[in-house]
Amino acid sequence: MSFLDTLKAKLAPAKDKVSDLAQQHGGKIDHGLDRAAKVVDDKTKGKYSEKIHSGTDKAKGALDRLAGKEPGSTSTDPPTAPPTPPAA
């Protein structure tokens, strides 16, 4: 096994735990990101507003990927597997 394979194998349980936490607390994390973005935007008097919102959107997208949701989705339900095609 290469070093990266070993590292991935050891980090898999941590990734699963982070994914579970992101699914359970995604709404709270989104709210926290919005609040932090607003505070920073207010402190900079809107000078970096576009960059702040861009960074916030990227962070929310990463959170959605960790939680296994489609980016931009507001559902808190766990993702469902796609339907299997009928046998020919």
PDB file of N, CA and C in Angstrom:
ATOM      1  N   MET A   1       0.833  -1.178   0.000  1.00  0.00           N
ATOM      2  CA  MET A   1       0.000   0.000   0.000  1.00  0.00           C
ATOM      3  C   MET A   1       0.878   1.242   0.000  1.00  0.00           C
ATOM      4  N   SER A   2       0.474   2.191  -0.767  1.00  0.00           N
ATOM      5  CA  SER A   2       1.236   3.429  -0.794  1.00  0.00           C
ATOM      6  C   SER A   2       0.878   4.269   0.428  1.00  0.00           C
ATOM      7  N   PHE A   3       1.644   5.283   0.645  1.00  0.00           N
ATOM      8  CA  PHE A   3       1.424   6.178   1.771  1.00  0.00           C
ATOM      9  C   PHE A   3       0.037   6.809   1.710  1.00  0.00           C
ATOM     10  N   LEU A   4      -0.382   7.272   0.531  1.00  0.00           N
ATOM     11  CA  LEU A   4      -1.689   7.914   0.399  1.00  0.00           C
ATOM     12  C   LEU A   4      -2.833   6.937   0.666  1.00  0.00           C
ATOM     13  N   ASP A   5      -2.686   5.699   0.215  1.00  0.00           N
ATOM     14  CA  ASP A   5      -3.720   4.697   0.477  1.00  0.00           C
ATOM     15  C   ASP A   5      -3.857   4.437   1.977  1.00  0.00           C
ATOM     16  N   THR A   6      -2.730   4.354   2.653  1.00  0.00           N
ATOM     17  CA  THR A   6      -2.734   4.149   4.098  1.00  0.00           C
ATOM     18  C   THR A   6      -3.379   5.325   4.805  1.00  0.00           C
ATOM     19  N   LEU A   7      -3.039   6.524   4.382  1.00  0.00           N
ATOM     20  CA  LEU A   7      -3.601   7.735   4.981  1.00  0.00           C
ATOM     21  C   LEU A   7      -5.105   7.799   4.767  1.00  0.00           C
ATOM     22  N   LYS A   8      -5.560   7.503   3.546  1.00  0.00           N
ATOM     23  CA  LYS A   8      -6.999   7.507   3.261  1.00  0.00           C
ATOM     24  C   LYS A   8      -7.732   6.484   4.121  1.00  0.00           C
ATOM     25  N   ALA A   9      -7.147   5.321   4.299  1.00  0.00           N
ATOM     26  CA  ALA A   9      -7.779   4.275   5.101  1.00  0.00           C
ATOM     27  C   ALA A   9      -7.910   4.701   6.563  1.00  0.00           C
ATOM     28  N   LYS A  10      -6.901   5.399   7.070  1.00  0.00           N
ATOM     29  CA  LYS A  10      -6.944   5.829   8.462  1.00  0.00           C
ATOM     30  C   LYS A  10      -7.873   7.016   8.674  1.00  0.00           C
ATOM     31  N   LEU A  11      -8.058   7.839   7.652  1.00  0.00           N
ATOM     32  CA  LEU A  11      -8.911   9.019   7.785  1.00  0.00           C
ATOM     33  C   LEU A  11     -10.379   8.743   7.439  1.00  0.00           C
ATOM     34  N   ALA A  12     -10.682   7.598   6.905  1.00  0.00           N
ATOM     35  CA  ALA A  12     -12.064   7.280   6.512  1.00  0.00           C
ATOM     36  C   ALA A  12     -13.050   7.403   7.672  1.00  0.00           C
ATOM     37  N   PRO A  13     -12.740   6.881   8.867  1.00  0.00           N
ATOM     38  CA  PRO A  13     -13.703   7.042   9.974  1.00  0.00           C
ATOM     39  C   PRO A  13     -13.939   8.514  10.337  1.00  0.00           C
ATOM     40  N   ALA A  14     -12.913   9.329  10.270  1.00  0.00           N
ATOM     41  CA  ALA A  14     -13.066  10.757  10.575  1.00  0.00           C
ATOM     42  C   ALA A  14     -13.953  11.424   9.534  1.00  0.00           C
ATOM     43  N   LYS A  15     -13.775  11.051   8.273  1.00  0.00           N
ATOM     44  CA  LYS A  15     -14.604  11.628   7.218  1.00  0.00           C
ATOM     45  C   LYS A  15     -16.066  11.247   7.420  1.00  0.00           C
ATOM     46  N   ASP A  16     -16.311  10.013   7.814  1.00  0.00           N
ATOM     47  CA  ASP A  16     -17.684   9.572   8.074  1.00  0.00           C
ATOM     48  C   ASP A  16     -18.305  10.359   9.222  1.00  0.00           C
ATOM     49  N   LYS A  17     -17.525  10.594  10.267  1.00  0.00           N
ATOM     50  CA  LYS A  17     -18.045  11.336  11.416  1.00  0.00           C
ATOM     51  C   LYS A  17     -18.343  12.785  11.030  1.00  0.00           C
ATOM     52  N   VAL A  18     -17.459  13.415  10.274  1.00  0.00           N
ATOM     53  CA  VAL A  18     -17.682  14.793   9.823  1.00  0.00           C
ATOM     54  C   VAL A  18     -18.911  14.849   8.928  1.00  0.00           C
ATOM     55  N   SER A  19     -19.082  13.877   8.076  1.00  0.00           N
ATOM     56  CA  SER A  19     -20.246  13.823   7.200  1.00  0.00           C
ATOM     57  C   SER A  19     -21.530  13.719   8.020  1.00  0.00           C
ATOM     58  N   ASP A  20     -21.527  12.860   9.038  1.00  0.00           N
ATOM     59  CA  ASP A  20     -22.704  12.726   9.901  1.00  0.00           C
ATOM     60  C   ASP A  20     -23.011  14.035  10.618  1.00  0.00           C
ATOM     61  N   LEU A  21     -21.983  14.689  11.135  1.00  0.00           N
ATOM     62  CA  LEU A  21     -22.184  15.966  11.827  1.00  0.00           C
ATOM     63  C   LEU A  21     -22.718  17.026  10.876  1.00  0.00           C
ATOM     64  N   ALA A  22     -22.220  17.043   9.647  1.00  0.00           N
ATOM     65  CA  ALA A  22     -22.698  18.016   8.663  1.00  0.00           C
ATOM     66  C   ALA A  22     -24.157  17.767   8.322  1.00  0.00           C
ATOM     67  N   GLN A  23     -24.571  16.504   8.280  1.00  0.00           N
ATOM     68  CA  GLN A  23     -25.976  16.183   8.015  1.00  0.00           C
ATOM     69  C   GLN A  23     -26.861  16.610   9.178  1.00  0.00           C
ATOM     70  N   GLN A  24     -26.405  16.373  10.398  1.00  0.00           N
ATOM     71  CA  GLN A  24     -27.209  16.675  11.574  1.00  0.00           C
ATOM     72  C   GLN A  24     -27.307  18.171  11.856  1.00  0.00           C
ATOM     73  N   HIS A  25     -26.225  18.897  11.640  1.00  0.00           N
ATOM     74  CA  HIS A  25     -26.161  20.291  12.059  1.00  0.00           C
ATOM     75  C   HIS A  25     -25.963  21.264  10.901  1.00  0.00           C
ATOM     76  N   GLY A  26     -26.332  20.847   9.707  1.00  0.00           N
ATOM     77  CA  GLY A  26     -26.133  21.688   8.523  1.00  0.00           C
ATOM     78  C   GLY A  26     -26.817  23.033   8.625  1.00  0.00           C
ATOM     79  N   GLY A  27     -28.026  23.073   9.147  1.00  0.00           N
ATOM     80  CA  GLY A  27     -28.763  24.328   9.284  1.00  0.00           C
ATOM     81  C   GLY A  27     -28.072  25.298  10.222  1.00  0.00           C
ATOM     82  N   LYS A  28     -27.563  24.773  11.335  1.00  0.00           N
ATOM     83  CA  LYS A  28     -26.856  25.620  12.301  1.00  0.00           C
ATOM     84  C   LYS A  28     -25.557  26.155  11.700  1.00  0.00           C
ATOM     85  N   ILE A  29     -24.869  25.322  10.955  1.00  0.00           N
ATOM     86  CA  ILE A  29     -23.611  25.746  10.342  1.00  0.00           C
ATOM     87  C   ILE A  29     -23.882  26.813   9.290  1.00  0.00           C
ATOM     88  N   ASP A  30     -24.922  26.616   8.464  1.00  0.00           N
ATOM     89  CA  ASP A  30     -25.302  27.627   7.471  1.00  0.00           C
ATOM     90  C   ASP A  30     -25.609  28.959   8.141  1.00  0.00           C
ATOM     91  N   HIS A  31     -26.373  28.890   9.228  1.00  0.00           N
ATOM     92  CA  HIS A  31     -26.730  30.109   9.953  1.00  0.00           C
ATOM     93  C   HIS A  31     -25.474  30.799  10.496  1.00  0.00           C
ATOM     94  N   GLY A  32     -24.553  30.027  11.035  1.00  0.00           N
ATOM     95  CA  GLY A  32     -23.301  30.584  11.544  1.00  0.00           C
ATOM     96  C   GLY A  32     -22.469  31.233  10.451  1.00  0.00           C
ATOM     97  N   LEU A  33     -22.423  30.587   9.277  1.00  0.00           N
ATOM     98  CA  LEU A  33     -21.691  31.174   8.154  1.00  0.00           C
ATOM     99  C   LEU A  33     -22.312  32.496   7.731  1.00  0.00           C
ATOM    100  N   ASP A  34     -23.651  32.547   7.686  1.00  0.00           N
ATOM    101  CA  ASP A  34     -24.335  33.781   7.314  1.00  0.00           C
ATOM    102  C   ASP A  34     -24.064  34.897   8.322  1.00  0.00           C
ATOM    103  N   ARG A  35     -24.109  34.544   9.603  1.00  0.00           N
ATOM    104  CA  ARG A  35     -23.857  35.550  10.633  1.00  0.00           C
ATOM    105  C   ARG A  35     -22.427  36.070  10.567  1.00  0.00           C
ATOM    106  N   ALA A  36     -21.469  35.152  10.388  1.00  0.00           N
ATOM    107  CA  ALA A  36     -20.066  35.567  10.299  1.00  0.00           C
ATOM    108  C   ALA A  36     -19.846  36.459   9.074  1.00  0.00           C
ATOM    109  N   ALA A  37     -20.467  36.098   7.952  1.00  0.00           N
ATOM    110  CA  ALA A  37     -20.328  36.902   6.730  1.00  0.00           C
ATOM    111  C   ALA A  37     -20.901  38.300   6.947  1.00  0.00           C
ATOM    112  N   LYS A  38     -22.033  38.388   7.640  1.00  0.00           N
ATOM    113  CA  LYS A  38     -22.653  39.686   7.891  1.00  0.00           C
ATOM    114  C   LYS A  38     -21.767  40.552   8.782  1.00  0.00           C
ATOM    115  N   VAL A  39     -21.191  39.948   9.820  1.00  0.00           N
ATOM    116  CA  VAL A  39     -20.315  40.703  10.727  1.00  0.00           C
ATOM    117  C   VAL A  39     -19.104  41.237   9.975  1.00  0.00           C
ATOM    118  N   VAL A  40     -18.471  40.384   9.182  1.00  0.00           N
ATOM    119  CA  VAL A  40     -17.288  40.807   8.435  1.00  0.00           C
ATOM    120  C   VAL A  40     -17.661  41.880   7.416  1.00  0.00           C
ATOM    121  N   ASP A  41     -18.798  41.715   6.752  1.00  0.00           N
ATOM    122  CA  ASP A  41     -19.255  42.696   5.765  1.00  0.00           C
ATOM    123  C   ASP A  41     -19.524  44.040   6.441  1.00  0.00           C
ATOM    124  N   ASP A  42     -20.131  44.012   7.620  1.00  0.00           N
ATOM    125  CA  ASP A  42     -20.379  45.256   8.359  1.00  0.00           C
ATOM    126  C   ASP A  42     -19.074  45.917   8.787  1.00  0.00           C
ATOM    127  N   LYS A  43     -18.115  45.118   9.268  1.00  0.00           N
ATOM    128  CA  LYS A  43     -16.825  45.665   9.727  1.00  0.00           C
ATOM    129  C   LYS A  43     -16.034  46.294   8.579  1.00  0.00           C
ATOM    130  N   THR A  44     -16.165  45.734   7.380  1.00  0.00           N
ATOM    131  CA  THR A  44     -15.429  46.274   6.232  1.00  0.00           C
ATOM    132  C   THR A  44     -16.263  47.290   5.461  1.00  0.00           C
ATOM    133  N   LYS A  45     -17.446  47.616   6.004  1.00  0.00           N
ATOM    134  CA  LYS A  45     -18.347  48.605   5.406  1.00  0.00           C
ATOM    135  C   LYS A  45     -18.700  48.268   3.953  1.00  0.00           C
ATOM    136  N   GLY A  46     -18.842  46.978   3.662  1.00  0.00           N
ATOM    137  CA  GLY A  46     -19.267  46.527   2.345  1.00  0.00           C
ATOM    138  C   GLY A  46     -18.201  46.559   1.274  1.00  0.00           C
ATOM    139  N   LYS A  47     -16.975  46.919   1.639  1.00  0.00           N
ATOM    140  CA  LYS A  47     -15.898  47.041   0.644  1.00  0.00           C
ATOM    141  C   LYS A  47     -15.595  45.695  -0.033  1.00  0.00           C
ATOM    142  N   TYR A  48     -15.702  44.607   0.712  1.00  0.00           N
ATOM    143  CA  TYR A  48     -15.377  43.275   0.177  1.00  0.00           C
ATOM    144  C   TYR A  48     -16.615  42.387   0.107  1.00  0.00           C
ATOM    145  N   SER A  49     -17.760  42.989  -0.017  1.00  0.00           N
ATOM    146  CA  SER A  49     -19.026  42.269   0.026  1.00  0.00           C
ATOM    147  C   SER A  49     -19.089  41.121  -0.980  1.00  0.00           C
ATOM    148  N   GLU A  50     -18.675  41.373  -2.194  1.00  0.00           N
ATOM    149  CA  GLU A  50     -18.735  40.337  -3.233  1.00  0.00           C
ATOM    150  C   GLU A  50     -17.840  39.149  -2.884  1.00  0.00           C
ATOM    151  N   LYS A  51     -16.650  39.425  -2.398  1.00  0.00           N
ATOM    152  CA  LYS A  51     -15.721  38.346  -2.040  1.00  0.00           C
ATOM    153  C   LYS A  51     -16.225  37.570  -0.825  1.00  0.00           C
ATOM    154  N   ILE A  52     -16.824  38.271   0.119  1.00  0.00           N
ATOM    155  CA  ILE A  52     -17.359  37.618   1.313  1.00  0.00           C
ATOM    156  C   ILE A  52     -18.493  36.673   0.923  1.00  0.00           C
ATOM    157  N   HIS A  53     -19.392  37.141   0.094  1.00  0.00           N
ATOM    158  CA  HIS A  53     -20.521  36.297  -0.324  1.00  0.00           C
ATOM    159  C   HIS A  53     -20.046  35.118  -1.175  1.00  0.00           C
ATOM    160  N   SER A  54     -19.041  35.346  -1.991  1.00  0.00           N
ATOM    161  CA  SER A  54     -18.489  34.258  -2.795  1.00  0.00           C
ATOM    162  C   SER A  54     -17.877  33.184  -1.892  1.00  0.00           C
ATOM    163  N   GLY A  55     -17.120  33.610  -0.904  1.00  0.00           N
ATOM    164  CA  GLY A  55     -16.515  32.660   0.032  1.00  0.00           C
ATOM    165  C   GLY A  55     -17.548  31.909   0.842  1.00  0.00           C
ATOM    166  N   THR A  56     -18.592  32.609   1.247  1.00  0.00           N
ATOM    167  CA  THR A  56     -19.673  31.977   2.004  1.00  0.00           C
ATOM    168  C   THR A  56     -20.377  30.926   1.148  1.00  0.00           C
ATOM    169  N   ASP A  57     -20.629  31.255  -0.100  1.00  0.00           N
ATOM    170  CA  ASP A  57     -21.276  30.295  -1.006  1.00  0.00           C
ATOM    171  C   ASP A  57     -20.410  29.056  -1.210  1.00  0.00           C
ATOM    172  N   LYS A  58     -19.103  29.256  -1.346  1.00  0.00           N
ATOM    173  CA  LYS A  58     -18.197  28.116  -1.516  1.00  0.00           C
ATOM    174  C   LYS A  58     -18.170  27.249  -0.258  1.00  0.00           C
ATOM    175  N   ALA A  59     -18.178  27.884   0.914  1.00  0.00           N
ATOM    176  CA  ALA A  59     -18.186  27.124   2.169  1.00  0.00           C
ATOM    177  C   ALA A  59     -19.471  26.319   2.305  1.00  0.00           C
ATOM    178  N   LYS A  60     -20.605  26.915   1.920  1.00  0.00           N
ATOM    179  CA  LYS A  60     -21.882  26.194   1.981  1.00  0.00           C
ATOM    180  C   LYS A  60     -21.899  25.035   0.987  1.00  0.00           C
ATOM    181  N   GLY A  61     -21.309  25.235  -0.179  1.00  0.00           N
ATOM    182  CA  GLY A  61     -21.220  24.153  -1.155  1.00  0.00           C
ATOM    183  C   GLY A  61     -20.380  22.994  -0.640  1.00  0.00           C
ATOM    184  N   ALA A  62     -19.275  23.323   0.026  1.00  0.00           N
ATOM    185  CA  ALA A  62     -18.426  22.282   0.604  1.00  0.00           C
ATOM    186  C   ALA A  62     -19.170  21.544   1.708  1.00  0.00           C
ATOM    187  N   LEU A  63     -19.934  22.277   2.502  1.00  0.00           N
ATOM    188  CA  LEU A  63     -20.733  21.655   3.557  1.00  0.00           C
ATOM    189  C   LEU A  63     -21.762  20.707   2.963  1.00  0.00           C
ATOM    190  N   ASP A  64     -22.406  21.126   1.883  1.00  0.00           N
ATOM    191  CA  ASP A  64     -23.390  20.275   1.213  1.00  0.00           C
ATOM    192  C   ASP A  64     -22.737  19.003   0.672  1.00  0.00           C
ATOM    193  N   ARG A  65     -21.547  19.134   0.109  1.00  0.00           N
ATOM    194  CA  ARG A  65     -20.851  17.951  -0.396  1.00  0.00           C
ATOM    195  C   ARG A  65     -20.500  17.002   0.744  1.00  0.00           C
ATOM    196  N   LEU A  66     -20.059  17.550   1.884  1.00  0.00           N
ATOM    197  CA  LEU A  66     -19.737  16.709   3.034  1.00  0.00           C
ATOM    198  C   LEU A  66     -20.972  15.991   3.555  1.00  0.00           C
ATOM    199  N   ALA A  67     -22.099  16.690   3.545  1.00  0.00           N
ATOM    200  CA  ALA A  67     -23.336  16.108   4.051  1.00  0.00           C
ATOM    201  C   ALA A  67     -23.966  15.164   3.043  1.00  0.00           C
ATOM    202  N   GLY A  68     -23.464  15.157   1.808  1.00  0.00           N
ATOM    203  CA  GLY A  68     -24.001  14.270   0.787  1.00  0.00           C
ATOM    204  C   GLY A  68     -25.231  14.819   0.105  1.00  0.00           C
ATOM    205  N   LYS A  69     -25.456  16.143   0.210  1.00  0.00           N
ATOM    206  CA  LYS A  69     -26.603  16.772  -0.439  1.00  0.00           C
ATOM    207  C   LYS A  69     -26.162  17.422  -1.736  1.00  0.00           C
ATOM    208  N   GLU A  70     -27.163  17.711  -2.563  1.00  0.00           N
ATOM    209  CA  GLU A  70     -26.890  18.479  -3.767  1.00  0.00           C
ATOM    210  C   GLU A  70     -26.648  19.926  -3.348  1.00  0.00           C
ATOM    211  N   PRO A  71     -25.626  20.596  -3.898  1.00  0.00           N
ATOM    212  CA  PRO A  71     -25.386  21.992  -3.546  1.00  0.00           C
ATOM    213  C   PRO A  71     -26.613  22.851  -3.838  1.00  0.00           C
ATOM    214  N   GLY A  72     -26.955  23.722  -2.879  1.00  0.00           N
ATOM    215  CA  GLY A  72     -28.091  24.613  -3.051  1.00  0.00           C
ATOM    216  C   GLY A  72     -29.397  24.012  -2.565  1.00  0.00           C
ATOM    217  N   SER A  73     -29.411  22.746  -2.240  1.00  0.00           N
ATOM    218  CA  SER A  73     -30.627  22.088  -1.753  1.00  0.00           C
ATOM    219  C   SER A  73     -30.877  22.511  -0.307  1.00  0.00           C
ATOM    220  N   THR A  74     -32.152  22.696   0.044  1.00  0.00           N
ATOM    221  CA  THR A  74     -32.476  23.103   1.409  1.00  0.00           C
ATOM    222  C   THR A  74     -33.049  21.965   2.222  1.00  0.00           C
ATOM    223  N   SER A  75     -33.169  20.798   1.636  1.00  0.00           N
ATOM    224  CA  SER A  75     -33.735  19.646   2.324  1.00  0.00           C
ATOM    225  C   SER A  75     -32.759  19.116   3.373  1.00  0.00           C
ATOM    226  N   THR A  76     -33.283  18.716   4.522  1.00  0.00           N
ATOM    227  CA  THR A  76     -32.444  18.123   5.552  1.00  0.00           C
ATOM    228  C   THR A  76     -32.554  16.608   5.546  1.00  0.00           C
ATOM    229  N   ASP A  77     -33.331  16.060   4.599  1.00  0.00           N
ATOM    230  CA  ASP A  77     -33.470  14.614   4.493  1.00  0.00           C
ATOM    231  C   ASP A  77     -32.185  14.020   3.941  1.00  0.00           C
ATOM    232  N   PRO A  78     -31.835  12.796   4.350  1.00  0.00           N
ATOM    233  CA  PRO A  78     -30.647  12.170   3.783  1.00  0.00           C
ATOM    234  C   PRO A  78     -30.848  11.904   2.297  1.00  0.00           C
ATOM    235  N   PRO A  79     -29.775  11.892   1.538  1.00  0.00           N
ATOM    236  CA  PRO A  79     -29.907  11.666   0.101  1.00  0.00           C
ATOM    237  C   PRO A  79     -30.449  10.273  -0.190  1.00  0.00           C
ATOM    238  N   THR A  80     -31.200  10.178  -1.256  1.00  0.00           N
ATOM    239  CA  THR A  80     -31.744   8.887  -1.650  1.00  0.00           C
ATOM    240  C   THR A  80     -30.953   8.372  -2.845  1.00  0.00           C
ATOM    241  N   ALA A  81     -30.908   7.063  -2.962  1.00  0.00           N
ATOM    242  CA  ALA A  81     -30.192   6.448  -4.076  1.00  0.00           C
ATOM    243  C   ALA A  81     -31.017   6.627  -5.348  1.00  0.00           C
ATOM    244  N   PRO A  82     -30.360   6.818  -6.487  1.00  0.00           N
ATOM    245  CA  PRO A  82     -31.095   6.935  -7.737  1.00  0.00           C
ATOM    246  C   PRO A  82     -31.785   5.612  -8.072  1.00  0.00           C
ATOM    247  N   PRO A  83     -32.928   5.682  -8.729  1.00  0.00           N
ATOM    248  CA  PRO A  83     -33.639   4.437  -9.054  1.00  0.00           C
ATOM    249  C   PRO A  83     -32.824   3.585 -10.015  1.00  0.00           C
ATOM    250  N   THR A  84     -32.949   2.282  -9.852  1.00  0.00           N
ATOM    251  CA  THR A  84     -32.220   1.381 -10.750  1.00  0.00           C
ATOM    252  C   THR A  84     -33.033   1.225 -12.034  1.00  0.00           C
ATOM    253  N   PRO A  85     -32.364   1.178 -13.169  1.00  0.00           N
ATOM    254  CA  PRO A  85     -33.093   1.010 -14.425  1.00  0.00           C
ATOM    255  C   PRO A  85     -33.710  -0.381 -14.510  1.00  0.00           C
ATOM    256  N   PRO A  86     -34.853  -0.510 -15.193  1.00  0.00           N
ATOM    257  CA  PRO A  86     -35.481  -1.827 -15.315  1.00  0.00           C
ATOM    258  C   PRO A  86     -34.613  -2.762 -16.151  1.00  0.00           C
ATOM    259  N   ALA A  87     -34.727  -4.048 -15.854  1.00  0.00           N
ATOM    260  CA  ALA A  87     -33.965  -5.046 -16.604  1.00  0.00           C
ATOM    261  C   ALA A  87     -34.504  -5.158 -18.017  1.00  0.00           C
ATOM    262  N   ALA A  88     -33.612  -5.360 -18.967  1.00  0.00           N
ATOM    263  CA  ALA A  88     -34.027  -5.415 -20.367  1.00  0.00           C
ATOM    264  C   ALA A  88     -34.492  -6.775 -20.789  1.00  0.00           C
TER     265      ALA A  88
END
